[in-house]
C-alpha atoms as a PDB file:
ATOM      1  CA  UNK A   1     221.004  -8.124  18.192  1.00  0.00           C
ATOM      2  CA  UNK A   2     219.290 -10.785  20.289  1.00  0.00           C
ATOM      3  CA  UNK A   3     219.669 -14.419  19.368  1.00  0.00           C
ATOM      4  CA  UNK A   4     216.494 -15.973  18.006  1.00  0.00           C
ATOM      5  CA  UNK A   5     215.702 -19.680  17.970  1.00  0.00           C
ATOM      6  CA  UNK A   6     212.449 -21.159  16.706  1.00  0.00           C
ATOM      7  CA  UNK A   7     211.418 -24.651  17.724  1.00  0.00           C
ATOM      8  CA  UNK A   8     209.107 -26.081  15.074  1.00  0.00           C
ATOM      9  CA  UNK A   9     208.023 -29.041  12.983  1.00  0.00           C
ATOM     10  CA  UNK A  10     207.843 -29.308   9.187  1.00  0.00           C
ATOM     11  CA  UNK A  11     204.060 -29.848   9.192  1.00  0.00           C
ATOM     12  CA  UNK A  12     203.141 -26.931  11.485  1.00  0.00           C
ATOM     13  CA  UNK A  13     201.396 -24.106   9.624  1.00  0.00           C
ATOM     14  CA  UNK A  14     201.923 -21.574  12.411  1.00  0.00           C
ATOM     15  CA  UNK A  15     205.620 -22.494  12.452  1.00  0.00           C
ATOM     16  CA  UNK A  16     205.886 -21.644   8.754  1.00  0.00           C
ATOM     17  CA  UNK A  17     204.062 -18.363   9.373  1.00  0.00           C
ATOM     18  CA  UNK A  18     206.400 -17.464  12.239  1.00  0.00           C
ATOM     19  CA  UNK A  19     209.501 -18.205  10.161  1.00  0.00           C
ATOM     20  CA  UNK A  20     208.178 -16.173   7.215  1.00  0.00           C
ATOM     21  CA  UNK A  21     207.381 -13.313   9.582  1.00  0.00           C
ATOM     22  CA  UNK A  22     210.937 -13.305  10.942  1.00  0.00           C
ATOM     23  CA  UNK A  23     212.335 -13.453   7.403  1.00  0.00           C
ATOM     24  CA  UNK A  24     210.137 -10.509   6.348  1.00  0.00           C
ATOM     25  CA  UNK A  25     211.669  -8.493   9.202  1.00  0.00           C
ATOM     26  CA  UNK A  26     215.169  -9.632   8.127  1.00  0.00           C
ATOM     27  CA  UNK A  27     215.719 -11.370  11.472  1.00  0.00           C
ATOM     28  CA  UNK A  28     218.240 -14.192  11.415  1.00  0.00           C
ATOM     29  CA  UNK A  29     217.206 -17.217  13.428  1.00  0.00           C
ATOM     30  CA  UNK A  30     218.229 -20.751  14.260  1.00  0.00           C
ATOM     31  CA  UNK A  31     215.627 -23.420  13.591  1.00  0.00           C
ATOM     32  CA  UNK A  32     215.278 -26.571  15.681  1.00  0.00           C
ATOM     33  CA  UNK A  33     213.027 -29.273  14.232  1.00  0.00           C
ATOM     34  CA  UNK A  34     211.573 -30.950  17.315  1.00  0.00           C
ATOM     35  CA  UNK A  35     210.231 -33.830  15.219  1.00  0.00           C
ATOM     36  CA  UNK A  36     213.843 -34.985  14.771  1.00  0.00           C
ATOM     37  CA  UNK A  37     215.607 -33.364  17.746  1.00  0.00           C
ATOM     38  CA  UNK A  38     214.946 -34.970  21.116  1.00  0.00           C
ATOM     39  CA  UNK A  39     217.112 -32.273  22.725  1.00  0.00           C
ATOM     40  CA  UNK A  40     214.931 -29.587  21.152  1.00  0.00           C
ATOM     41  CA  UNK A  41     211.730 -31.291  22.296  1.00  0.00           C
ATOM     42  CA  UNK A  42     213.113 -31.653  25.810  1.00  0.00           C
ATOM     43  CA  UNK A  43     214.117 -27.965  25.796  1.00  0.00           C
ATOM     44  CA  UNK A  44     210.587 -26.762  25.010  1.00  0.00           C
ATOM     45  CA  UNK A  45     209.060 -29.194  27.509  1.00  0.00           C
ATOM     46  CA  UNK A  46     211.426 -27.983  30.239  1.00  0.00           C
ATOM     47  CA  UNK A  47     210.884 -24.284  29.464  1.00  0.00           C
ATOM     48  CA  UNK A  48     207.173 -24.219  28.635  1.00  0.00           C
ATOM     49  CA  UNK A  49     205.734 -27.368  30.202  1.00  0.00           C
ATOM     50  CA  UNK A  50     204.191 -28.405  26.894  1.00  0.00           C
ATOM     51  CA  UNK A  51     205.070 -29.785  23.485  1.00  0.00           C
ATOM     52  CA  UNK A  52     203.176 -27.360  21.232  1.00  0.00           C
ATOM     53  CA  UNK A  53     205.013 -25.464  18.516  1.00  0.00           C
ATOM     54  CA  UNK A  54     206.110 -22.975  17.444  1.00  0.00           C
ATOM     55  CA  UNK A  55     208.150 -21.852  20.422  1.00  0.00           C
ATOM     56  CA  UNK A  56     210.377 -18.829  19.897  1.00  0.00           C
ATOM     57  CA  UNK A  57     213.284 -18.029  22.169  1.00  0.00           C
ATOM     58  CA  UNK A  58     214.208 -14.380  21.628  1.00  0.00           C
ATOM     59  CA  UNK A  59     217.004 -13.329  23.947  1.00  0.00           C
ATOM     60  CA  UNK A  60     215.655 -14.341  27.358  1.00  0.00           C
ATOM     61  CA  UNK A  61     211.995 -14.229  26.237  1.00  0.00           C
ATOM     62  CA  UNK A  62     210.064 -17.403  25.429  1.00  0.00           C
ATOM     63  CA  UNK A  63     206.988 -17.073  23.218  1.00  0.00           C
ATOM     64  CA  UNK A  64     204.624 -19.989  22.671  1.00  0.00           C
ATOM     65  CA  UNK A  65     202.685 -19.816  19.431  1.00  0.00           C
ATOM     66  CA  UNK A  66     202.787 -17.343  16.565  1.00  0.00           C
ATOM     67  CA  UNK A  67     202.109 -14.107  18.461  1.00  0.00           C
ATOM     68  CA  UNK A  68     203.181 -11.124  16.322  1.00  0.00           C
ATOM     69  CA  UNK A  69     202.827  -8.478  19.075  1.00  0.00           C
ATOM     70  CA  UNK A  70     204.842 -10.586  21.540  1.00  0.00           C
ATOM     71  CA  UNK A  71     207.512 -11.253  18.903  1.00  0.00           C
ATOM     72  CA  UNK A  72     207.757  -7.551  18.031  1.00  0.00           C
ATOM     73  CA  UNK A  73     207.972  -6.595  21.701  1.00  0.00           C
ATOM     74  CA  UNK A  74     210.686  -9.178  22.441  1.00  0.00           C
ATOM     75  CA  UNK A  75     212.714  -8.036  19.426  1.00  0.00           C
ATOM     76  CA  UNK A  76     212.393  -4.366  20.434  1.00  0.00           C
ATOM     77  CA  UNK A  77     213.422  -4.752  24.084  1.00  0.00           C
END
């Protein structure tokens, strides 16, 4: 099983949707709240060049935004 980390904020609707989607698929994930974690914010800036959330790190794949097809593909590979 690939490791899954989601970088999010408490007020982000798409972040909540992404987390609920992962839960519905019974995928365990680590959550990093970038509104309180400077390390998490720096990680997404360094890996995506932006500060938008959600950012999902699935294995070696980085997905910006709540993109169901991309999430499914990354989980399946």
